[in-house]
Protein backbone atom coordinates (compact mmCIF):
# COMPACT_ATOMS: atom_id res chain seq x y z
CA MET A 1 0.00 0.00 0.00
CA GLU A 2 1.34 3.41 -0.94
CA LEU A 3 1.87 5.98 1.81
CA VAL A 4 -0.34 8.50 -0.02
CA ARG A 5 -3.35 6.35 0.96
CA LEU A 6 -2.48 6.38 4.68
CA ALA A 7 -5.16 7.99 6.87
CA VAL A 8 -3.04 10.86 8.23
CA SER A 9 -2.94 14.59 7.61
CA ALA A 10 -1.27 16.02 4.53
CA SER A 11 1.49 17.67 6.59
CA GLN A 12 2.28 14.39 8.37
CA ARG A 13 2.36 12.55 5.07
CA ALA A 14 4.73 15.14 3.59
CA LYS A 15 7.09 14.80 6.55
CA LEU A 16 7.10 11.01 6.26
CA ILE A 17 7.81 11.10 2.53
CA SER A 18 10.63 13.63 3.00
CA ALA A 19 12.13 11.26 5.56
CA GLY A 20 12.14 8.40 3.04
CA TYR A 21 9.02 6.49 4.14
CA THR A 22 7.02 5.70 0.99
CA SER A 23 5.06 2.56 1.93
CA LEU A 24 3.43 0.91 4.92
CA SER A 25 6.08 -1.78 4.93
CA SER A 26 8.77 0.86 5.53
CA LEU A 27 6.97 1.80 8.79
CA SER A 28 6.44 -1.74 10.01
CA SER A 29 9.59 -1.94 12.16
CA VAL A 30 9.86 1.69 13.30
CA SER A 31 9.37 2.70 16.94
CA PRO A 32 7.41 5.84 17.93
CA SER A 33 10.53 7.48 19.41
CA ARG A 34 12.53 6.83 16.26
CA LEU A 35 9.72 8.10 14.05
CA ALA A 36 9.41 11.27 16.15
CA ARG A 37 13.05 12.17 15.47
CA VAL A 38 14.09 10.71 12.09
CA GLN A 39 17.06 11.08 9.78
CA ILE A 40 16.51 12.70 6.39
CA VAL A 41 17.81 10.52 3.58
CA SER A 42 18.87 11.77 0.15
CA SER A 43 17.57 10.23 -3.10
CA SER A 44 20.86 8.38 -3.48
CA GLY A 45 20.31 6.67 -0.15
CA ILE A 46 23.21 8.46 1.61
CA ASP A 47 22.60 10.46 4.78
CA ASN A 48 23.14 14.09 3.97
CA VAL A 49 22.34 15.75 7.30
CA ALA A 50 22.46 14.93 10.94
CA PRO A 51 19.33 13.64 12.73
CA THR A 52 16.80 16.44 12.52
CA ASP A 53 13.69 17.04 14.59
CA LEU A 54 10.65 17.01 12.29
CA ASN A 55 8.41 18.32 15.04
CA ILE A 56 6.47 15.10 15.46
CA PRO A 57 5.68 14.37 19.10
CA GLU A 58 5.89 10.73 20.18
CA CYS A 59 2.14 10.58 20.74
CA GLU A 60 1.61 11.77 17.15
CA ALA A 61 4.17 9.25 15.89
CA LEU A 62 2.33 6.52 17.80
CA ALA A 63 -0.95 7.54 16.14
CA ILE A 64 0.70 7.39 12.71
CA LEU A 65 2.07 3.91 13.39
CA LYS A 66 -1.37 2.73 14.58
CA ALA A 67 -2.92 4.05 11.35
CA ALA A 68 -0.21 2.28 9.35
CA SER A 69 -0.81 -0.99 11.24
CA HIS A 70 -4.56 -0.71 10.60
CA GLY A 71 -3.92 -0.01 6.92
CA SER A 72 -1.65 -3.05 6.65
CA ARG A 73 -4.36 -5.27 8.14
CA LEU A 74 -6.93 -3.88 5.71
CA GLU A 75 -4.56 -4.45 2.80
CA GLU A 76 -3.92 -8.04 3.85
CA SER A 77 -7.65 -8.63 4.34
CA SER A 78 -8.37 -7.22 0.87
CA ARG A 79 -5.76 -9.52 -0.68
CA ASN A 80 -7.26 -12.54 1.06
CA LEU A 81 -10.77 -11.53 0.02
CA ALA A 82 -9.65 -11.10 -3.59
CA ILE A 83 -8.20 -14.60 -3.54
CA VAL A 84 -11.42 -16.06 -2.12
CA ASN A 85 -13.64 -14.11 -4.51
CA GLY A 86 -11.43 -15.20 -7.39
CA ALA A 87 -12.10 -18.88 -6.74
CA GLN A 88 -13.68 -20.88 -9.59
CA THR A 89 -15.59 -24.12 -9.55
CA ALA A 90 -14.40 -27.00 -11.70
CA TRP A 91 -17.52 -26.53 -13.84
CA ASP A 92 -16.68 -22.86 -14.41
CA MET A 93 -13.16 -23.81 -15.45
CA LEU A 94 -14.52 -26.42 -17.86
CA GLN A 95 -16.87 -23.88 -19.41
CA VAL A 96 -14.01 -21.42 -19.88
CA ASP A 97 -11.83 -24.09 -21.47
CA SER A 98 -14.66 -25.17 -23.78
CA CYS A 99 -13.72 -22.69 -26.48
CA SER A 100 -16.01 -21.85 -29.36
CA ARG A 101 -14.77 -22.82 -32.81
CA ILE A 102 -14.99 -21.37 -36.30
CA SER A 103 -15.87 -23.82 -39.05
CA THR A 104 -13.58 -24.21 -42.04
CA SER A 105 -16.59 -25.29 -44.19
CA SER A 106 -14.99 -28.71 -44.65
CA ARG A 107 -16.49 -31.45 -42.45
CA ASP A 108 -13.37 -33.61 -42.69
CA LEU A 109 -11.09 -30.73 -41.75
CA ASP A 110 -13.38 -29.59 -38.94
CA LYS A 111 -13.38 -33.13 -37.58
CA ILE A 112 -9.61 -33.34 -37.06
CA LEU A 113 -9.68 -29.82 -35.56
CA GLY A 114 -12.30 -30.77 -32.99
CA GLY A 115 -15.03 -28.71 -34.67
CA GLY A 116 -13.05 -25.96 -36.42
CA ILE A 117 -10.45 -23.28 -35.71
CA SER A 118 -10.42 -22.76 -31.94
CA CYS A 119 -10.99 -19.36 -30.36
CA LYS A 120 -8.68 -18.25 -27.50
CA GLU A 121 -5.82 -20.01 -29.28
CA VAL A 122 -3.22 -19.31 -31.96
CA THR A 123 -3.33 -21.67 -34.95
CA GLU A 124 -0.47 -21.79 -37.41
CA ILE A 125 -0.93 -23.02 -40.98
CA ASP A 126 2.19 -24.00 -42.92
CA THR A 127 1.74 -24.00 -46.67
CA GLU A 128 3.61 -23.80 -49.95
CA GLY A 129 0.80 -21.78 -51.52
CA SER A 130 -0.69 -18.34 -50.91
CA PHE A 131 -4.08 -16.65 -50.58
CA MET A 132 -5.36 -14.29 -53.26
CA VAL A 133 -7.27 -11.28 -51.96
CA GLU A 134 -9.24 -11.07 -55.20
CA ARG A 135 -11.19 -14.18 -54.21
CA ALA A 136 -12.61 -12.65 -51.02
CA LEU A 137 -15.88 -11.69 -52.77
CA GLN A 138 -16.31 -15.22 -54.17
CA ILE A 139 -15.76 -16.73 -50.73
CA ALA A 140 -18.26 -14.32 -49.17
CA LYS A 141 -20.90 -15.32 -51.72
CA GLY A 142 -20.21 -19.00 -51.12
CA CYS A 143 -20.50 -18.53 -47.35
CA ILE A 144 -23.88 -16.81 -47.77
CA GLU A 145 -25.16 -19.62 -49.99
CA ASP A 146 -24.19 -22.22 -47.39
CA MET A 147 -25.82 -20.25 -44.55
CA GLN A 148 -28.99 -19.32 -46.43
CA PRO A 149 -32.07 -21.30 -45.29
CA LYS A 150 -33.93 -22.63 -48.32
CA ASP A 151 -37.33 -21.51 -46.99
CA ALA A 152 -36.31 -18.06 -45.71
CA GLN A 153 -37.50 -15.27 -47.97
CA GLY A 154 -35.47 -12.09 -47.97
CA PHE A 155 -32.47 -13.72 -46.31
CA HIS A 156 -30.21 -13.12 -49.31
CA GLU A 157 -31.10 -9.43 -49.43
CA LYS A 158 -30.25 -8.93 -45.75
CA LEU A 159 -26.96 -10.82 -45.91
CA MET A 160 -25.17 -9.39 -48.92
CA PRO A 161 -21.52 -10.07 -49.88
CA GLU A 162 -20.87 -6.35 -49.54
CA ASN A 163 -21.91 -6.55 -45.87
CA PHE A 164 -19.42 -9.37 -45.35
CA LEU A 165 -16.58 -7.42 -46.93
CA ALA A 166 -17.48 -4.28 -44.96
CA SER A 167 -16.68 -6.26 -41.80
CA VAL A 168 -13.22 -7.32 -43.02
CA PHE A 169 -10.43 -4.96 -41.90
CA TYR A 170 -7.24 -5.15 -43.94
CA PHE A 171 -3.87 -3.82 -42.79
CA ARG A 172 -0.82 -3.84 -45.03
CA VAL A 173 2.65 -3.70 -43.50
CA CYS A 174 5.81 -3.14 -45.51
CA SER A 175 8.55 -4.04 -43.01
CA TYR A 176 9.08 -5.98 -39.82
CA THR A 177 9.02 -2.73 -37.82
CA GLU A 178 5.55 -1.96 -39.19
CA GLN A 179 4.51 -5.51 -38.35
CA VAL A 180 5.68 -5.04 -34.74
CA ALA A 181 3.85 -1.69 -34.57
CA MET A 182 0.67 -3.38 -35.78
CA MET A 183 1.00 -6.04 -33.09
CA ASN A 184 1.34 -3.32 -30.45
CA HIS A 185 -1.83 -1.61 -31.76
CA LEU A 186 -3.87 -4.80 -32.04
CA ASP A 187 -5.26 -4.86 -28.49
CA LYS A 188 -6.59 -1.29 -28.80
CA PHE A 189 -8.10 -1.99 -32.22
CA VAL A 190 -9.94 -5.13 -31.10
CA SER A 191 -11.20 -3.37 -27.95
CA GLU A 192 -12.83 -0.81 -30.27
CA HIS A 193 -14.14 -3.48 -32.70
CA GLN A 194 -15.23 -6.33 -30.45
CA ASP A 195 -17.27 -7.98 -33.22
CA VAL A 196 -13.94 -9.13 -34.69
CA LYS A 197 -13.66 -12.88 -34.04
CA VAL A 198 -10.73 -13.97 -36.18
CA ILE A 199 -7.34 -12.40 -36.91
CA ILE A 200 -5.40 -13.73 -39.92
CA ILE A 201 -1.76 -12.82 -40.49
CA ASP A 202 -0.45 -13.73 -43.95
CA SER A 203 2.28 -14.27 -43.39
CA ILE A 204 3.94 -14.08 -39.99
CA SER A 205 7.32 -15.01 -41.47
CA PHE A 206 7.57 -12.90 -44.64
CA TYR A 207 9.79 -10.12 -43.27
CA PHE A 208 11.83 -12.47 -41.08
CA ARG A 209 12.86 -15.15 -43.58
CA GLN A 210 15.82 -13.41 -45.17
CA ASP A 211 18.20 -10.49 -44.63
CA PHE A 212 17.79 -10.63 -40.85
CA GLU A 213 21.34 -11.00 -39.59
CA ASP A 214 20.68 -10.73 -35.83
CA LEU A 215 18.96 -14.06 -35.17
CA ALA A 216 18.75 -13.42 -31.42
CA LEU A 217 16.85 -10.17 -32.09
CA ARG A 218 14.59 -11.99 -34.54
CA THR A 219 13.78 -14.63 -31.94
CA ARG A 220 12.93 -11.98 -29.31
CA ILE A 221 10.70 -10.03 -31.71
CA LEU A 222 8.83 -13.12 -32.85
CA GLY A 223 8.42 -14.33 -29.26
CA GLY A 224 7.02 -10.96 -28.24
CA MET A 225 4.53 -10.97 -31.10
CA ALA A 226 3.43 -14.51 -30.24
CA LEU A 227 2.75 -13.51 -26.61
CA LYS A 228 0.73 -10.46 -27.69
CA LEU A 229 -1.37 -12.54 -30.10
CA MET A 230 -2.07 -15.18 -27.44
CA LYS A 231 -3.09 -12.47 -24.97
CA VAL A 232 -5.51 -10.89 -27.48
CA ALA A 233 -6.98 -14.30 -28.40
CA GLN A 234 -7.72 -15.15 -24.77
CA LYS A 235 -8.84 -11.67 -23.72
CA TYR A 236 -11.38 -11.20 -26.52
CA ASN A 237 -12.33 -14.87 -27.15
CA LEU A 238 -11.25 -14.81 -30.79
CA ALA A 239 -9.20 -17.03 -33.07
CA VAL A 240 -5.76 -16.10 -34.40
CA VAL A 241 -4.57 -17.81 -37.60
CA LEU A 242 -0.96 -17.39 -38.67
CA LEU A 243 0.26 -18.32 -42.15
CA ASN A 244 3.85 -19.50 -42.28
CA GLN A 245 5.76 -20.59 -45.37
CA VAL A 246 7.78 -23.76 -45.56
CA THR A 247 11.19 -24.04 -47.13
CA ASN A 248 13.52 -26.75 -48.39
CA LYS A 249 16.09 -28.00 -45.90
CA TYR A 250 18.91 -30.35 -46.79
CA VAL A 251 18.89 -33.17 -44.22
CA GLU A 252 20.87 -36.42 -44.44
CA GLY A 253 21.40 -36.29 -48.16
CA SER A 254 17.88 -35.25 -49.18
CA HIS A 255 15.74 -32.11 -49.36
CA GLN A 256 12.89 -31.92 -46.84
CA LEU A 257 10.23 -29.32 -46.10
CA ALA A 258 10.87 -27.30 -42.93
CA LEU A 259 9.31 -24.29 -41.19
CA ALA A 260 10.58 -21.01 -42.58
CA LEU A 261 11.28 -19.60 -39.11
CA GLY A 262 13.11 -22.66 -37.85
CA ASP A 263 12.81 -24.56 -34.59
CA SER A 264 12.77 -21.41 -32.43
CA TRP A 265 9.25 -20.65 -33.68
CA SER A 266 7.89 -24.17 -33.16
CA HIS A 267 6.48 -23.41 -29.68
CA ALA A 268 4.86 -20.08 -30.54
CA SER A 269 1.46 -21.43 -31.66
CA THR A 270 -1.07 -23.61 -29.85
CA ASN A 271 -1.98 -25.64 -32.94
CA ARG A 272 -0.15 -26.27 -36.19
CA ILE A 273 -1.69 -27.43 -39.47
CA ILE A 274 0.50 -28.43 -42.40
CA LEU A 275 -1.06 -28.25 -45.87
CA HIS A 276 0.39 -30.56 -48.48
CA TRP A 277 -0.34 -32.52 -51.64
CA LYS A 278 -0.78 -36.27 -51.82
CA GLU A 279 -0.82 -37.22 -55.47
CA ASP A 280 -3.61 -35.01 -56.90
CA ASP A 281 -5.40 -34.34 -53.61
CA ARG A 282 -4.90 -31.62 -51.04
CA TYR A 283 -4.45 -32.70 -47.42
CA ALA A 284 -4.33 -30.89 -44.11
CA TYR A 285 -2.27 -32.54 -41.38
CA LEU A 286 -2.73 -31.59 -37.72
CA ASP A 287 0.91 -31.62 -36.65
CA LYS A 288 0.56 -30.06 -33.19
CA SER A 289 -2.28 -29.69 -30.67
CA PRO A 290 -2.42 -29.79 -26.86
CA SER A 291 -5.72 -31.70 -26.82
CA LEU A 292 -6.21 -33.42 -30.19
CA PRO A 293 -4.37 -36.36 -31.78
CA SER A 294 -2.37 -35.91 -34.96
CA ALA A 295 -4.57 -36.61 -37.96
CA SER A 296 -4.93 -35.86 -41.66
CA ALA A 297 -7.95 -34.83 -43.74
CA PRO A 298 -8.44 -34.23 -47.46
CA TYR A 299 -10.00 -31.00 -48.70
CA SER A 300 -10.62 -29.05 -51.89
CA ILE A 301 -10.28 -25.40 -52.86
CA THR A 302 -13.44 -24.45 -54.73
CA SER A 303 -14.91 -21.19 -55.96
CA LYS A 304 -16.59 -20.94 -52.54
CA GLY A 305 -13.40 -21.50 -50.57
CA ILE A 306 -12.42 -24.61 -48.59
CA ARG A 307 -14.78 -27.55 -49.02
CA ASP A 308 -14.74 -31.35 -48.73
CA ARG A 309 -12.68 -33.37 -51.20
CA ASN A 310 -15.71 -34.51 -53.22
CA SER A 311 -16.41 -30.87 -54.15
CA THR A 312 -15.29 -29.58 -57.53
CA PRO A 313 -11.88 -27.90 -57.19
CA ILE A 314 -11.02 -24.77 -59.17
CA TRP A 315 -7.31 -25.62 -59.26
CA LYS A 316 -5.48 -28.83 -59.84
CA ARG A 317 -1.90 -29.56 -59.06
CA MET A 318 0.54 -28.60 -61.76
CA LYS A 319 2.65 -31.53 -62.90
CA ARG A 320 6.36 -30.80 -62.87
CA SER A 321 8.45 -32.21 -65.67
């Protein structure tokens, strides 16, 4: 407890502060006679004058110490009460841990993810491909078609693709310093737009893959961003999806796919999904999860976005000669 909250007069408080007493704990072992005639201490902690009478009678010093003792008891009682009031039942904890999920629109993919992309968590997707912004309108239309009840008249007019796109906020960063600045601003932005339920960063690794000579600095920056994203996800009950490229790594005489940011980034996300090809089919592999087993699911990229494998894809894998 700070001394400014002690129930004494302003003049008494000023004398105490000038003598170097700034908290209740600093008064806990002081006697009334010592407090009545104290030694002024400089800011450097070195005595700069002889003991000086601050014109505090012993009876007044005793009253101050009694007020400090009472304040300490109140502070301790408040701490104990806060601990008791902060208790949770096991059911409450289970409800908190039962996070809502955002569907990917693919039943097979949702199944291995436990129902979809989890809120309050950071999910990393490693891929060789990229997302094209131009398809956002197509995906919005496809989402509306899937949500539209067949017997609901006027539903399509109320839920227009333009309304979907008006709720998508796009930020473009051109350097890693701008990316860090955006991370620092994210909490304030979401607090002002609490309808936001998913944050997608494409990609988290772009400005850190090359031409970053100080690897220790890179690790600290990435770790700081990961902590901020996790905090925002839990605070606002939203999902964070990070796109991360993969790269070729020469291991034991052969080239293998590896995370672009290396092993230091491997613990930054709660879940990790690796997208890959298997012959002519696309697959998503759940590589990391604290609560779900590793599993793989096929999917297709259609004009409506991600769908099950039996849907008609708009792209097929290019055969390399």
